[in-house]
């Protein structure tokens, strides 16, 4: 959906830190594929 490297570089260029939110165990894609 977005270019992660480009987004991080843009924000770092503004002196802004970037936090990546990672939803761990609620994961319908992996759950269905695994089942």
ModelCIF file with pLDDT and N, C-alpha, C, O atoms, coordinates in Angstrom:
data_MODEL
#
_entry.id   MODEL 
#
_entity.id                         1 
_entity.type                       polymer 
_entity.pdbx_number_of_molecules   1 
#
_entity_poly.entity_id                      1 
_entity_poly.type                           'polypeptide(L)' 
_entity_poly.nstd_linkage                   no 
_entity_poly.nstd_monomer                   no 
_entity_poly.pdbx_seq_one_letter_code       
;(UNK)(UNK)(UNK)(UNK)(UNK)(UNK)(UNK)(UNK)(UNK)(UNK)(UNK)(UNK)(UNK)(UNK)(UNK)(UNK)
(UNK)(UNK)(UNK)(UNK)(UNK)(UNK)(UNK)(UNK)(UNK)(UNK)(UNK)(UNK)(UNK)(UNK)(UNK)(UNK)
(UNK)(UNK)(UNK)
;
_entity_poly.pdbx_seq_one_letter_code_can   XXXXXXXXXXXXXXXXXXXXXXXXXXXXXXXXXXX 
_entity_poly.pdbx_strand_id                 A 
#
loop_
_entity_poly_seq.entity_id 
_entity_poly_seq.num 
_entity_poly_seq.mon_id 
_entity_poly_seq.hetero 
1 1  UNK n 
1 2  UNK n 
1 3  UNK n 
1 4  UNK n 
1 5  UNK n 
1 6  UNK n 
1 7  UNK n 
1 8  UNK n 
1 9  UNK n 
1 10 UNK n 
1 11 UNK n 
1 12 UNK n 
1 13 UNK n 
1 14 UNK n 
1 15 UNK n 
1 16 UNK n 
1 17 UNK n 
1 18 UNK n 
1 19 UNK n 
1 20 UNK n 
1 21 UNK n 
1 22 UNK n 
1 23 UNK n 
1 24 UNK n 
1 25 UNK n 
1 26 UNK n 
1 27 UNK n 
1 28 UNK n 
1 29 UNK n 
1 30 UNK n 
1 31 UNK n 
1 32 UNK n 
1 33 UNK n 
1 34 UNK n 
1 35 UNK n 
#
_struct_asym.id          A 
_struct_asym.entity_id   1 
#
loop_
_ma_qa_metric.id 
_ma_qa_metric.mode 
_ma_qa_metric.name 
_ma_qa_metric.software_group_id 
_ma_qa_metric.type 
1 global pLDDT . pLDDT 
2 local  pLDDT . pLDDT 
#
_ma_qa_metric_global.metric_id      1 
_ma_qa_metric_global.metric_value   97.83 
_ma_qa_metric_global.model_id       1 
_ma_qa_metric_global.ordinal_id     1 
#
loop_
_ma_qa_metric_local.label_asym_id 
_ma_qa_metric_local.label_comp_id 
_ma_qa_metric_local.label_seq_id 
_ma_qa_metric_local.metric_id 
_ma_qa_metric_local.metric_value 
_ma_qa_metric_local.model_id 
_ma_qa_metric_local.ordinal_id 
A UNK 1  2 98.00 1 1  
A UNK 2  2 98.00 1 2  
A UNK 3  2 98.00 1 3  
A UNK 4  2 98.00 1 4  
A UNK 5  2 98.00 1 5  
A UNK 6  2 98.00 1 6  
A UNK 7  2 98.00 1 7  
A UNK 8  2 98.00 1 8  
A UNK 9  2 98.00 1 9  
A UNK 10 2 98.00 1 10 
A UNK 11 2 98.00 1 11 
A UNK 12 2 98.00 1 12 
A UNK 13 2 98.00 1 13 
A UNK 14 2 97.00 1 14 
A UNK 15 2 97.00 1 15 
A UNK 16 2 98.00 1 16 
A UNK 17 2 98.00 1 17 
A UNK 18 2 98.00 1 18 
A UNK 19 2 98.00 1 19 
A UNK 20 2 98.00 1 20 
A UNK 21 2 98.00 1 21 
A UNK 22 2 98.00 1 22 
A UNK 23 2 98.00 1 23 
A UNK 24 2 98.00 1 24 
A UNK 25 2 98.00 1 25 
A UNK 26 2 97.00 1 26 
A UNK 27 2 98.00 1 27 
A UNK 28 2 97.00 1 28 
A UNK 29 2 98.00 1 29 
A UNK 30 2 98.00 1 30 
A UNK 31 2 98.00 1 31 
A UNK 32 2 97.00 1 32 
A UNK 33 2 98.00 1 33 
A UNK 34 2 98.00 1 34 
A UNK 35 2 97.00 1 35 
#
loop_
_atom_site.group_PDB 
_atom_site.id 
_atom_site.type_symbol 
_atom_site.label_atom_id 
_atom_site.label_alt_id 
_atom_site.label_comp_id 
_atom_site.label_asym_id 
_atom_site.label_entity_id 
_atom_site.label_seq_id 
_atom_site.pdbx_PDB_ins_code 
_atom_site.Cartn_x 
_atom_site.Cartn_y 
_atom_site.Cartn_z 
_atom_site.occupancy 
_atom_site.B_iso_or_equiv 
_atom_site.pdbx_formal_charge 
_atom_site.auth_seq_id 
_atom_site.auth_comp_id 
_atom_site.auth_asym_id 
_atom_site.auth_atom_id 
_atom_site.pdbx_PDB_model_num 
ATOM 1   N N  . UNK A 1 1  ? 0.816  -1.212  0.000  1.00 98.00 ? 1  UNK A N  1 
ATOM 2   C CA . UNK A 1 1  ? 0.000  0.000   0.000  1.00 98.00 ? 1  UNK A CA 1 
ATOM 3   C C  . UNK A 1 1  ? 0.852  1.265   0.000  1.00 98.00 ? 1  UNK A C  1 
ATOM 4   O O  . UNK A 1 1  ? 0.425  2.308   -0.495 1.00 98.00 ? 1  UNK A O  1 
ATOM 5   N N  . UNK A 1 2  ? 2.047  1.169   0.552  1.00 98.00 ? 2  UNK A N  1 
ATOM 6   C CA . UNK A 1 2  ? 2.950  2.318   0.524  1.00 98.00 ? 2  UNK A CA 1 
ATOM 7   C C  . UNK A 1 2  ? 4.382  1.814   0.430  1.00 98.00 ? 2  UNK A C  1 
ATOM 8   O O  . UNK A 1 2  ? 4.669  0.651   0.716  1.00 98.00 ? 2  UNK A O  1 
ATOM 9   N N  . UNK A 1 3  ? 5.270  2.706   0.027  1.00 98.00 ? 3  UNK A N  1 
ATOM 10  C CA . UNK A 1 3  ? 6.699  2.387   -0.086 1.00 98.00 ? 3  UNK A CA 1 
ATOM 11  C C  . UNK A 1 3  ? 7.340  2.688   1.264  1.00 98.00 ? 3  UNK A C  1 
ATOM 12  O O  . UNK A 1 3  ? 7.556  3.851   1.605  1.00 98.00 ? 3  UNK A O  1 
ATOM 13  N N  . UNK A 1 4  ? 7.641  1.654   2.026  1.00 98.00 ? 4  UNK A N  1 
ATOM 14  C CA . UNK A 1 4  ? 8.125  1.830   3.389  1.00 98.00 ? 4  UNK A CA 1 
ATOM 15  C C  . UNK A 1 4  ? 9.457  2.574   3.415  1.00 98.00 ? 4  UNK A C  1 
ATOM 16  O O  . UNK A 1 4  ? 9.638  3.503   4.203  1.00 98.00 ? 4  UNK A O  1 
ATOM 17  N N  . UNK A 1 5  ? 10.366 2.175   2.573  1.00 98.00 ? 5  UNK A N  1 
ATOM 18  C CA . UNK A 1 5  ? 11.695 2.814   2.597  1.00 98.00 ? 5  UNK A CA 1 
ATOM 19  C C  . UNK A 1 5  ? 11.586 4.302   2.249  1.00 98.00 ? 5  UNK A C  1 
ATOM 20  O O  . UNK A 1 5  ? 12.235 5.141   2.874  1.00 98.00 ? 5  UNK A O  1 
ATOM 21  N N  . UNK A 1 6  ? 10.764 4.619   1.253  1.00 98.00 ? 6  UNK A N  1 
ATOM 22  C CA . UNK A 1 6  ? 10.597 6.012   0.854  1.00 98.00 ? 6  UNK A CA 1 
ATOM 23  C C  . UNK A 1 6  ? 9.944  6.825   1.967  1.00 98.00 ? 6  UNK A C  1 
ATOM 24  O O  . UNK A 1 6  ? 10.338 7.962   2.224  1.00 98.00 ? 6  UNK A O  1 
ATOM 25  N N  . UNK A 1 7  ? 8.933  6.230   2.633  1.00 98.00 ? 7  UNK A N  1 
ATOM 26  C CA . UNK A 1 7  ? 8.243  6.938   3.716  1.00 98.00 ? 7  UNK A CA 1 
ATOM 27  C C  . UNK A 1 7  ? 9.188  7.214   4.875  1.00 98.00 ? 7  UNK A C  1 
ATOM 28  O O  . UNK A 1 7  ? 9.183  8.309   5.438  1.00 98.00 ? 7  UNK A O  1 
ATOM 29  N N  . UNK A 1 8  ? 9.993  6.227   5.231  1.00 98.00 ? 8  UNK A N  1 
ATOM 30  C CA . UNK A 1 8  ? 10.937 6.401   6.337  1.00 98.00 ? 8  UNK A CA 1 
ATOM 31  C C  . UNK A 1 8  ? 11.962 7.473   5.993  1.00 98.00 ? 8  UNK A C  1 
ATOM 32  O O  . UNK A 1 8  ? 12.276 8.318   6.830  1.00 98.00 ? 8  UNK A O  1 
ATOM 33  N N  . UNK A 1 9  ? 12.473 7.448   4.801  1.00 98.00 ? 9  UNK A N  1 
ATOM 34  C CA . UNK A 1 9  ? 13.471 8.442   4.391  1.00 98.00 ? 9  UNK A CA 1 
ATOM 35  C C  . UNK A 1 9  ? 12.869 9.851   4.405  1.00 98.00 ? 9  UNK A C  1 
ATOM 36  O O  . UNK A 1 9  ? 13.528 10.808  4.812  1.00 98.00 ? 9  UNK A O  1 
ATOM 37  N N  . UNK A 1 10 ? 11.622 9.974   3.961  1.00 98.00 ? 10 UNK A N  1 
ATOM 38  C CA . UNK A 1 10 ? 10.968 11.285  3.947  1.00 98.00 ? 10 UNK A CA 1 
ATOM 39  C C  . UNK A 1 10 ? 10.808 11.832  5.365  1.00 98.00 ? 10 UNK A C  1 
ATOM 40  O O  . UNK A 1 10 ? 11.101 12.999  5.626  1.00 98.00 ? 10 UNK A O  1 
ATOM 41  N N  . UNK A 1 11 ? 10.345 10.989  6.269  1.00 98.00 ? 11 UNK A N  1 
ATOM 42  C CA . UNK A 1 11 ? 10.126 11.428  7.638  1.00 98.00 ? 11 UNK A CA 1 
ATOM 43  C C  . UNK A 1 11 ? 11.449 11.700  8.358  1.00 98.00 ? 11 UNK A C  1 
ATOM 44  O O  . UNK A 1 11 ? 11.568 12.674  9.101  1.00 98.00 ? 11 UNK A O  1 
ATOM 45  N N  . UNK A 1 12 ? 12.426 10.848  8.139  1.00 98.00 ? 12 UNK A N  1 
ATOM 46  C CA . UNK A 1 12 ? 13.738 11.091  8.739  1.00 98.00 ? 12 UNK A CA 1 
ATOM 47  C C  . UNK A 1 12 ? 14.335 12.406  8.229  1.00 98.00 ? 12 UNK A C  1 
ATOM 48  O O  . UNK A 1 12 ? 15.049 13.100  8.952  1.00 98.00 ? 12 UNK A O  1 
ATOM 49  N N  . UNK A 1 13 ? 14.031 12.731  6.982  1.00 98.00 ? 13 UNK A N  1 
ATOM 50  C CA . UNK A 1 13 ? 14.507 13.990  6.422  1.00 98.00 ? 13 UNK A CA 1 
ATOM 51  C C  . UNK A 1 13 ? 13.928 15.196  7.126  1.00 98.00 ? 13 UNK A C  1 
ATOM 52  O O  . UNK A 1 13 ? 14.526 16.272  7.105  1.00 98.00 ? 13 UNK A O  1 
ATOM 53  N N  . UNK A 1 14 ? 12.769 15.033  7.750  1.00 97.00 ? 14 UNK A N  1 
ATOM 54  C CA . UNK A 1 14 ? 12.141 16.095  8.526  1.00 97.00 ? 14 UNK A CA 1 
ATOM 55  C C  . UNK A 1 14 ? 12.551 16.048  9.998  1.00 97.00 ? 14 UNK A C  1 
ATOM 56  O O  . UNK A 1 14 ? 12.076 16.844  10.808 1.00 97.00 ? 14 UNK A O  1 
ATOM 57  N N  . UNK A 1 15 ? 13.426 15.122  10.334 1.00 97.00 ? 15 UNK A N  1 
ATOM 58  C CA . UNK A 1 15 ? 13.822 14.958  11.729 1.00 97.00 ? 15 UNK A CA 1 
ATOM 59  C C  . UNK A 1 15 ? 12.778 14.242  12.561 1.00 97.00 ? 15 UNK A C  1 
ATOM 60  O O  . UNK A 1 15 ? 12.732 14.401  13.780 1.00 97.00 ? 15 UNK A O  1 
ATOM 61  N N  . UNK A 1 16 ? 11.947 13.461  11.912 1.00 98.00 ? 16 UNK A N  1 
ATOM 62  C CA . UNK A 1 16 ? 10.841 12.770  12.574 1.00 98.00 ? 16 UNK A CA 1 
ATOM 63  C C  . UNK A 1 16 ? 11.163 11.283  12.686 1.00 98.00 ? 16 UNK A C  1 
ATOM 64  O O  . UNK A 1 16 ? 11.599 10.660  11.719 1.00 98.00 ? 16 UNK A O  1 
ATOM 65  N N  . UNK A 1 17 ? 10.949 10.730  13.852 1.00 98.00 ? 17 UNK A N  1 
ATOM 66  C CA . UNK A 1 17 ? 11.142 9.297   14.055 1.00 98.00 ? 17 UNK A CA 1 
ATOM 67  C C  . UNK A 1 17 ? 9.943  8.533   13.503 1.00 98.00 ? 17 UNK A C  1 
ATOM 68  O O  . UNK A 1 17 ? 8.852  9.084   13.365 1.00 98.00 ? 17 UNK A O  1 
ATOM 69  N N  . UNK A 1 18 ? 10.163 7.240   13.186 1.00 98.00 ? 18 UNK A N  1 
ATOM 70  C CA . UNK A 1 18 ? 9.107  6.410   12.604 1.00 98.00 ? 18 UNK A CA 1 
ATOM 71  C C  . UNK A 1 18 ? 8.948  5.140   13.423 1.00 98.00 ? 18 UNK A C  1 
ATOM 72  O O  . UNK A 1 18 ? 9.900  4.384   13.616 1.00 98.00 ? 18 UNK A O  1 
ATOM 73  N N  . UNK A 1 19 ? 7.738  4.923   13.897 1.00 98.00 ? 19 UNK A N  1 
ATOM 74  C CA . UNK A 1 19 ? 7.399  3.719   14.655 1.00 98.00 ? 19 UNK A CA 1 
ATOM 75  C C  . UNK A 1 19 ? 6.548  2.821   13.765 1.00 98.00 ? 19 UNK A C  1 
ATOM 76  O O  . UNK A 1 19 ? 5.563  3.269   13.177 1.00 98.00 ? 19 UNK A O  1 
ATOM 77  N N  . UNK A 1 20 ? 6.930  1.564   13.672 1.00 98.00 ? 20 UNK A N  1 
ATOM 78  C CA . UNK A 1 20 ? 6.157  0.603   12.888 1.00 98.00 ? 20 UNK A CA 1 
ATOM 79  C C  . UNK A 1 20 ? 5.235  -0.197  13.786 1.00 98.00 ? 20 UNK A C  1 
ATOM 80  O O  . UNK A 1 20 ? 5.700  -0.921  14.666 1.00 98.00 ? 20 UNK A O  1 
ATOM 81  N N  . UNK A 1 21 ? 3.935  -0.074  13.576 1.00 98.00 ? 21 UNK A N  1 
ATOM 82  C CA . UNK A 1 21 ? 2.962  -0.851  14.359 1.00 98.00 ? 21 UNK A CA 1 
ATOM 83  C C  . UNK A 1 21 ? 2.778  -2.211  13.681 1.00 98.00 ? 21 UNK A C  1 
ATOM 84  O O  . UNK A 1 21 ? 2.480  -2.300  12.490 1.00 98.00 ? 21 UNK A O  1 
ATOM 85  N N  . UNK A 1 22 ? 2.965  -3.252  14.471 1.00 98.00 ? 22 UNK A N  1 
ATOM 86  C CA . UNK A 1 22 ? 2.882  -4.613  13.941 1.00 98.00 ? 22 UNK A CA 1 
ATOM 87  C C  . UNK A 1 22 ? 1.864  -5.388  14.766 1.00 98.00 ? 22 UNK A C  1 
ATOM 88  O O  . UNK A 1 22 ? 2.128  -5.733  15.918 1.00 98.00 ? 22 UNK A O  1 
ATOM 89  N N  . UNK A 1 23 ? 0.714  -5.661  14.186 1.00 98.00 ? 23 UNK A N  1 
ATOM 90  C CA . UNK A 1 23 ? -0.300 -6.469  14.866 1.00 98.00 ? 23 UNK A CA 1 
ATOM 91  C C  . UNK A 1 23 ? 0.167  -7.918  14.806 1.00 98.00 ? 23 UNK A C  1 
ATOM 92  O O  . UNK A 1 23 ? 0.314  -8.492  13.727 1.00 98.00 ? 23 UNK A O  1 
ATOM 93  N N  . UNK A 1 24 ? 0.396  -8.495  15.970 1.00 98.00 ? 24 UNK A N  1 
ATOM 94  C CA . UNK A 1 24 ? 1.054  -9.799  16.021 1.00 98.00 ? 24 UNK A CA 1 
ATOM 95  C C  . UNK A 1 24 ? 0.095  -10.963 15.818 1.00 98.00 ? 24 UNK A C  1 
ATOM 96  O O  . UNK A 1 24 ? 0.135  -11.612 14.772 1.00 98.00 ? 24 UNK A O  1 
ATOM 97  N N  . UNK A 1 25 ? -0.763 -11.242 16.787 1.00 98.00 ? 25 UNK A N  1 
ATOM 98  C CA . UNK A 1 25 ? -1.459 -12.536 16.803 1.00 98.00 ? 25 UNK A CA 1 
ATOM 99  C C  . UNK A 1 25 ? -2.897 -12.492 16.299 1.00 98.00 ? 25 UNK A C  1 
ATOM 100 O O  . UNK A 1 25 ? -3.485 -13.546 16.056 1.00 98.00 ? 25 UNK A O  1 
ATOM 101 N N  . UNK A 1 26 ? -3.475 -11.320 16.136 1.00 97.00 ? 26 UNK A N  1 
ATOM 102 C CA . UNK A 1 26 ? -4.749 -11.238 15.405 1.00 97.00 ? 26 UNK A CA 1 
ATOM 103 C C  . UNK A 1 26 ? -4.384 -11.116 13.933 1.00 97.00 ? 26 UNK A C  1 
ATOM 104 O O  . UNK A 1 26 ? -4.049 -10.033 13.453 1.00 97.00 ? 26 UNK A O  1 
ATOM 105 N N  . UNK A 1 27 ? -4.450 -12.226 13.229 1.00 98.00 ? 27 UNK A N  1 
ATOM 106 C CA . UNK A 1 27 ? -3.914 -12.294 11.873 1.00 98.00 ? 27 UNK A CA 1 
ATOM 107 C C  . UNK A 1 27 ? -4.780 -13.233 11.033 1.00 98.00 ? 27 UNK A C  1 
ATOM 108 O O  . UNK A 1 27 ? -4.436 -14.402 10.859 1.00 98.00 ? 27 UNK A O  1 
ATOM 109 N N  . UNK A 1 28 ? -5.895 -12.732 10.515 1.00 97.00 ? 28 UNK A N  1 
ATOM 110 C CA . UNK A 1 28 ? -6.790 -13.598 9.730  1.00 97.00 ? 28 UNK A CA 1 
ATOM 111 C C  . UNK A 1 28 ? -6.139 -14.203 8.495  1.00 97.00 ? 28 UNK A C  1 
ATOM 112 O O  . UNK A 1 28 ? -6.483 -15.319 8.105  1.00 97.00 ? 28 UNK A O  1 
ATOM 113 N N  . UNK A 1 29 ? -5.200 -13.485 7.868  1.00 98.00 ? 29 UNK A N  1 
ATOM 114 C CA . UNK A 1 29 ? -4.561 -14.012 6.661  1.00 98.00 ? 29 UNK A CA 1 
ATOM 115 C C  . UNK A 1 29 ? -3.740 -15.253 6.994  1.00 98.00 ? 29 UNK A C  1 
ATOM 116 O O  . UNK A 1 29 ? -3.884 -16.285 6.339  1.00 98.00 ? 29 UNK A O  1 
ATOM 117 N N  . UNK A 1 30 ? -2.887 -15.161 8.001  1.00 98.00 ? 30 UNK A N  1 
ATOM 118 C CA . UNK A 1 30 ? -2.061 -16.310 8.382  1.00 98.00 ? 30 UNK A CA 1 
ATOM 119 C C  . UNK A 1 30 ? -2.919 -17.414 8.977  1.00 98.00 ? 30 UNK A C  1 
ATOM 120 O O  . UNK A 1 30 ? -2.685 -18.592 8.707  1.00 98.00 ? 30 UNK A O  1 
ATOM 121 N N  . UNK A 1 31 ? -3.910 -17.049 9.784  1.00 98.00 ? 31 UNK A N  1 
ATOM 122 C CA . UNK A 1 31 ? -4.745 -18.058 10.427 1.00 98.00 ? 31 UNK A CA 1 
ATOM 123 C C  . UNK A 1 31 ? -5.477 -18.910 9.390  1.00 98.00 ? 31 UNK A C  1 
ATOM 124 O O  . UNK A 1 31 ? -5.489 -20.137 9.492  1.00 98.00 ? 31 UNK A O  1 
ATOM 125 N N  . UNK A 1 32 ? -6.076 -18.277 8.410  1.00 97.00 ? 32 UNK A N  1 
ATOM 126 C CA . UNK A 1 32 ? -6.814 -19.036 7.388  1.00 97.00 ? 32 UNK A CA 1 
ATOM 127 C C  . UNK A 1 32 ? -5.868 -19.880 6.540  1.00 97.00 ? 32 UNK A C  1 
ATOM 128 O O  . UNK A 1 32 ? -6.154 -21.043 6.254  1.00 97.00 ? 32 UNK A O  1 
ATOM 129 N N  . UNK A 1 33 ? -4.741 -19.294 6.139  1.00 98.00 ? 33 UNK A N  1 
ATOM 130 C CA . UNK A 1 33 ? -3.780 -20.042 5.324  1.00 98.00 ? 33 UNK A CA 1 
ATOM 131 C C  . UNK A 1 33 ? -3.247 -21.242 6.100  1.00 98.00 ? 33 UNK A C  1 
ATOM 132 O O  . UNK A 1 33 ? -3.071 -22.320 5.531  1.00 98.00 ? 33 UNK A O  1 
ATOM 133 N N  . UNK A 1 34 ? -2.992 -21.066 7.386  1.00 98.00 ? 34 UNK A N  1 
ATOM 134 C CA . UNK A 1 34 ? -2.478 -22.165 8.204  1.00 98.00 ? 34 UNK A CA 1 
ATOM 135 C C  . UNK A 1 34 ? -3.514 -23.266 8.342  1.00 98.00 ? 34 UNK A C  1 
ATOM 136 O O  . UNK A 1 34 ? -3.188 -24.446 8.205  1.00 98.00 ? 34 UNK A O  1 
ATOM 137 N N  . UNK A 1 35 ? -4.750 -22.898 8.608  1.00 97.00 ? 35 UNK A N  1 
ATOM 138 C CA . UNK A 1 35 ? -5.800 -23.893 8.819  1.00 97.00 ? 35 UNK A CA 1 
ATOM 139 C C  . UNK A 1 35 ? -6.051 -24.707 7.555  1.00 97.00 ? 35 UNK A C  1 
ATOM 140 O O  . UNK A 1 35 ? -6.906 -25.594 7.551  1.00 97.00 ? 35 UNK A O  1 
#
